[in-house]
Each structure stands twice: as structure tokens, then as C-alpha cells.
Amino acid sequence: MNINLAFAKKAVPLAAVVMMSACQTADIYTADTFDQYKTSHETVAVVPFLVTIDQKNVPEGSDLEALQSAEKEEGVVFQRQLYSQFLKRYSKGEYTVKFQDVDETNVLLRRAGMTDDEIENFTKAEIGAALGVDAVISGTIKRDKPMSTGAAVASAFLLGFGGATNSVNVNMTVHDAESGGLLWSYDHEFKGGLGSSAEGVSKELLKASSKKFPYKKEK
């Protein structure tokens, strides 16, 4: 079943999305020196996440090139959704840092040659220098199936994935932009329906990590 990419742009409607539910695991790491960085950090950038869709679940005869395209697109979609969620919380005065506009982030990444295909080949210090920020939020997403909102994935392709459960593991990290050192890491696993969306995952991730997010203002 090869995918017609023109047809693939007709994504499954958001109304049909089944949101993520039930945290399975959560592992948190915070560097002992984080408080030293927190006082000086002012601006943080969110870069595209690296998405991996488990190929063992791919229907026989599927277009793997389209699947890879879906992975890249999901990484950018999730970046934008996570930035949006951060912005909403920032507007409520929840954080000690501000977030670089995601469009500016992506333009600066392209200018530096750090495209979706290449960004993983650069260090966090190199990425931070290109963006001119104090810290970089990045991460990985591993999932059993594509999300329904990916323009690179047709409805027929989605329906070819068997089973009702879509396991999603998200790792979100914060690196100091100057040194490239890891300051914070959060691993979270969800179980959800086939149509689990980037918006749903980003909301659940911030909800789950809100009390532990290192730039959260102390009450």
C-alpha cells in the first residue's frame, strides 16, 4: 500500500483525535548546579524534536519514505505545540525565563545549516550559539504509530496500523547553551489511542512535569 503524498495532505480531522492518557513512567534528572544557571538564564529556545515511529508496526508494502517524512514533520509540529503550551504558561507568570519565538528559532536553525535532517549532528552548544539563547529545550519522541495530524501520513496509511494502543515515550531535556551541559531531563511514557496528537502529548507532558520543570517560579 504505497502512499499518494498529494492525498496524504488530507489529514484525519482533529475532532477524531483520541487524546493521550495515563502516565506510565516518569524519570527526572536535575543537575546539582542548576540553580547557578537559573539565576542567569533569560531566554530559552525549543528546537524540533527527533521522532521515531516503530517500523515493526508498519503495514507490509508501506511507503517508508513517507513514514520518514511523517517523523520529521511530527518533530516540528511537536516543537510548535510545546512552544505554544510554554507560552500560555509564561503569560500567566509561571516561569523565570522567556521563550524564543519558534519561527525565529527555525529561521536561525536553517541559516546555520541545522535543518531537520542535520540538527542531531550538532552539539547543544553549537545550536545555542546559533540561536543566541541561554538554554535549549530539545528531546526525542518514540511512538508505535504516526499521529493523525501529520500531513505526510494519509488516512489509509494510519488505518493500516494494527491495534488500538499508541504508546508514546517522550524525553525532554534542557541544556545550557554556552557549555552544552545537560541541566535537566524528563522521561514520560503515555498510552493512548491511534489518533494521539502533538497537542495532546505536549499538554499532558507539561501537565505531568509542571511541578518539576526547573524554570518554574517558586510560590
Protein backbone atom coordinates (compact mmCIF):
# COMPACT_ATOMS: atom_id res chain seq x y z
CA MET A 1 0.00 0.00 0.00
CA ASN A 2 2.05 2.94 -1.27
CA ILE A 3 1.02 6.41 -0.12
CA ASN A 4 -0.01 9.12 -2.53
CA LEU A 5 1.63 12.14 -0.90
CA ALA A 6 -0.80 14.56 -2.52
CA PHE A 7 -3.67 12.69 -0.88
CA ALA A 8 -1.62 12.41 2.29
CA LYS A 9 -2.07 16.09 2.98
CA LYS A 10 -5.71 15.38 3.81
CA ALA A 11 -5.06 14.62 7.47
CA VAL A 12 -7.51 12.97 9.82
CA PRO A 13 -9.64 15.74 11.42
CA LEU A 14 -8.63 16.87 14.89
CA ALA A 15 -12.15 16.12 16.08
CA ALA A 16 -11.33 12.45 15.67
CA VAL A 17 -8.22 12.67 17.81
CA VAL A 18 -8.08 10.46 20.86
CA MET A 19 -6.03 12.24 23.48
CA MET A 20 -3.25 10.66 25.48
CA SER A 21 -3.95 9.26 28.91
CA ALA A 22 -2.39 7.59 31.91
CA CYS A 23 1.22 8.27 32.74
CA GLN A 24 3.14 5.02 32.83
CA THR A 25 6.61 6.11 33.93
CA ALA A 26 8.36 9.35 34.78
CA ASP A 27 12.11 9.72 35.34
CA ILE A 28 13.62 13.09 36.24
CA TYR A 29 17.20 14.34 36.37
CA THR A 30 18.25 17.78 37.59
CA ALA A 31 21.90 18.83 37.65
CA ASP A 32 23.22 19.77 41.10
CA THR A 33 24.45 23.05 39.64
CA PHE A 34 21.14 24.03 38.03
CA ASP A 35 20.35 26.83 40.46
CA GLN A 36 23.58 28.57 39.43
CA TYR A 37 22.35 28.68 35.82
CA LYS A 38 18.74 29.54 36.66
CA THR A 39 19.65 32.97 38.03
CA SER A 40 21.41 34.00 34.81
CA HIS A 41 19.25 32.35 32.16
CA GLU A 42 16.78 34.70 30.48
CA THR A 43 15.80 33.19 27.12
CA VAL A 44 15.21 29.56 26.17
CA ALA A 45 14.59 28.08 22.71
CA VAL A 46 12.58 24.99 21.83
CA VAL A 47 14.01 23.11 18.83
CA PRO A 48 12.34 20.39 16.72
CA PHE A 49 12.14 17.04 18.50
CA LEU A 50 13.53 13.86 16.96
CA VAL A 51 10.65 11.48 16.27
CA THR A 52 10.94 7.74 15.74
CA ILE A 53 7.96 5.61 14.70
CA ASP A 54 8.43 1.91 15.40
CA GLN A 55 8.86 0.29 12.00
CA LYS A 56 7.91 -3.15 13.26
CA ASN A 57 4.31 -1.87 13.25
CA VAL A 58 4.47 -0.56 9.69
CA PRO A 59 2.00 -2.34 7.37
CA GLU A 60 3.61 -4.52 4.71
CA GLY A 61 4.19 -2.63 1.47
CA SER A 62 4.01 0.80 3.10
CA ASP A 63 5.94 3.77 1.76
CA LEU A 64 8.84 4.09 4.22
CA GLU A 65 9.89 7.38 2.67
CA ALA A 66 6.51 8.80 3.61
CA LEU A 67 6.95 7.42 7.12
CA GLN A 68 10.30 9.20 7.44
CA SER A 69 8.68 12.38 6.19
CA ALA A 70 6.00 11.97 8.85
CA GLU A 71 8.68 11.62 11.54
CA LYS A 72 10.33 14.89 10.51
CA GLU A 73 7.03 16.70 10.32
CA GLU A 74 5.91 15.43 13.71
CA GLY A 75 9.14 16.76 15.22
CA VAL A 76 8.36 20.28 14.04
CA VAL A 77 4.65 20.04 14.88
CA PHE A 78 5.51 18.93 18.41
CA GLN A 79 8.09 21.75 18.72
CA ARG A 80 5.39 24.29 17.84
CA GLN A 81 2.80 22.75 20.14
CA LEU A 82 5.23 22.60 23.06
CA TYR A 83 6.27 26.22 22.47
CA SER A 84 2.57 27.19 22.43
CA GLN A 85 1.98 25.44 25.75
CA PHE A 86 5.05 27.08 27.29
CA LEU A 87 3.89 30.49 26.03
CA LYS A 88 0.47 30.09 27.65
CA ARG A 89 2.07 29.31 30.98
CA TYR A 90 4.65 32.08 30.59
CA SER A 91 1.83 34.60 30.02
CA LYS A 92 0.46 33.57 33.41
CA GLY A 93 3.78 34.36 35.06
CA GLU A 94 4.71 30.75 35.80
CA TYR A 95 8.31 30.79 34.53
CA THR A 96 11.51 32.67 35.27
CA VAL A 97 12.58 32.63 31.60
CA LYS A 98 11.01 33.71 28.33
CA PHE A 99 10.84 31.56 25.21
CA GLN A 100 12.30 32.49 21.83
CA ASP A 101 9.66 32.77 19.11
CA VAL A 102 9.56 29.41 17.36
CA ASP A 103 9.58 30.95 13.88
CA GLU A 104 12.75 32.87 14.75
CA THR A 105 14.27 29.67 16.11
CA ASN A 106 13.60 27.76 12.91
CA VAL A 107 14.88 30.55 10.64
CA LEU A 108 18.12 30.76 12.63
CA LEU A 109 18.50 26.97 12.51
CA ARG A 110 18.10 26.96 8.72
CA ARG A 111 20.61 29.79 8.32
CA ALA A 112 23.12 27.77 10.33
CA GLY A 113 22.50 24.66 8.23
CA MET A 114 20.83 22.92 11.14
CA THR A 115 17.84 21.55 9.26
CA ASP A 116 15.56 18.76 10.47
CA ASP A 117 17.90 16.25 8.82
CA GLU A 118 21.06 17.73 10.28
CA ILE A 119 20.28 19.15 13.72
CA GLU A 120 21.19 15.95 15.55
CA ASN A 121 24.73 16.26 14.12
CA PHE A 122 25.37 19.45 16.09
CA THR A 123 26.18 19.87 19.77
CA LYS A 124 23.81 21.73 22.06
CA ALA A 125 26.48 24.42 22.47
CA GLU A 126 26.62 24.89 18.69
CA ILE A 127 22.83 25.06 18.49
CA GLY A 128 22.69 27.51 21.39
CA ALA A 129 25.30 29.76 19.77
CA ALA A 130 23.35 29.79 16.50
CA LEU A 131 20.15 30.74 18.33
CA GLY A 132 21.66 33.27 20.70
CA VAL A 133 19.80 31.92 23.73
CA ASP A 134 20.78 30.84 27.23
CA ALA A 135 19.40 27.31 27.09
CA VAL A 136 17.98 24.83 24.59
CA ILE A 137 14.95 22.60 25.10
CA SER A 138 15.05 19.52 22.89
CA GLY A 139 14.13 15.87 23.05
CA THR A 140 13.01 12.66 21.45
CA ILE A 141 9.65 11.04 20.81
CA LYS A 142 9.28 7.30 20.28
CA ARG A 143 5.84 6.08 19.25
CA ASP A 144 4.16 2.96 17.94
CA LYS A 145 2.15 4.74 15.24
CA PRO A 146 2.09 8.08 13.41
CA MET A 147 -0.15 10.80 14.79
CA SER A 148 -3.30 11.52 12.83
CA THR A 149 -2.48 15.18 12.23
CA GLY A 150 0.72 14.56 10.25
CA ALA A 151 0.23 15.94 6.74
CA ALA A 152 2.71 13.39 5.41
CA VAL A 153 0.53 10.48 6.55
CA ALA A 154 -2.69 9.62 4.73
CA SER A 155 -5.75 8.26 6.48
CA ALA A 156 -5.32 4.95 4.68
CA PHE A 157 -1.78 4.70 5.98
CA LEU A 158 -2.89 5.31 9.55
CA LEU A 159 -5.65 2.74 9.31
CA GLY A 160 -3.11 0.15 8.23
CA PHE A 161 -1.54 0.12 11.69
CA GLY A 162 -3.00 -2.66 13.77
CA GLY A 163 -4.02 -2.48 17.40
CA ALA A 164 -5.77 0.24 19.36
CA THR A 165 -2.94 1.40 21.61
CA ASN A 166 -0.38 4.00 20.69
CA SER A 167 2.50 4.00 23.17
CA VAL A 168 4.40 7.29 23.21
CA ASN A 169 7.66 7.87 25.09
CA VAL A 170 8.81 11.48 25.32
CA ASN A 171 12.19 12.63 26.58
CA MET A 172 12.52 16.38 27.14
CA THR A 173 15.87 17.93 28.03
CA VAL A 174 17.31 21.32 28.93
CA HIS A 175 20.93 22.06 28.00
CA ASP A 176 22.97 25.12 28.86
CA ALA A 177 23.61 26.94 25.58
CA GLU A 178 27.15 28.04 26.40
CA SER A 179 28.64 24.85 27.81
CA GLY A 180 26.25 22.38 26.20
CA GLY A 181 25.91 20.64 29.55
CA LEU A 182 22.75 18.71 30.45
CA LEU A 183 20.86 20.58 33.15
CA TRP A 184 17.54 18.73 33.28
CA SER A 185 15.91 15.68 31.74
CA TYR A 186 12.37 14.33 31.96
CA ASP A 187 11.20 10.97 30.57
CA HIS A 188 7.50 10.33 30.33
CA GLU A 189 5.53 7.45 28.81
CA PHE A 190 1.89 7.61 27.75
CA LYS A 191 -0.65 5.15 26.46
CA GLY A 192 -3.29 6.48 24.12
CA GLY A 193 -5.43 5.93 21.07
CA LEU A 194 -4.38 5.76 17.44
CA GLY A 195 -5.02 9.46 16.86
CA SER A 196 -2.86 10.76 19.72
CA SER A 197 -1.94 14.31 18.71
CA ALA A 198 1.10 16.52 19.20
CA GLU A 199 -1.15 19.00 21.02
CA GLY A 200 -2.43 16.28 23.34
CA VAL A 201 1.04 14.96 24.10
CA SER A 202 2.51 18.43 24.71
CA LYS A 203 -0.33 19.34 27.07
CA GLU A 204 -0.01 16.11 29.00
CA LEU A 205 3.78 16.41 29.14
CA LEU A 206 3.71 19.90 30.64
CA LYS A 207 0.91 18.96 32.98
CA ALA A 208 2.89 15.97 34.20
CA SER A 209 6.20 17.84 34.51
CA SER A 210 4.84 21.21 35.66
CA LYS A 211 5.87 20.80 39.29
CA LYS A 212 9.36 19.65 38.29
CA PHE A 213 10.10 22.00 35.38
CA PRO A 214 13.30 23.75 36.51
CA TYR A 215 12.34 27.29 35.41
CA LYS A 216 9.06 27.26 37.29
CA LYS A 217 8.73 30.20 39.65
CA GLU A 218 8.70 29.39 43.33
CA LYS A 219 5.47 30.34 45.08
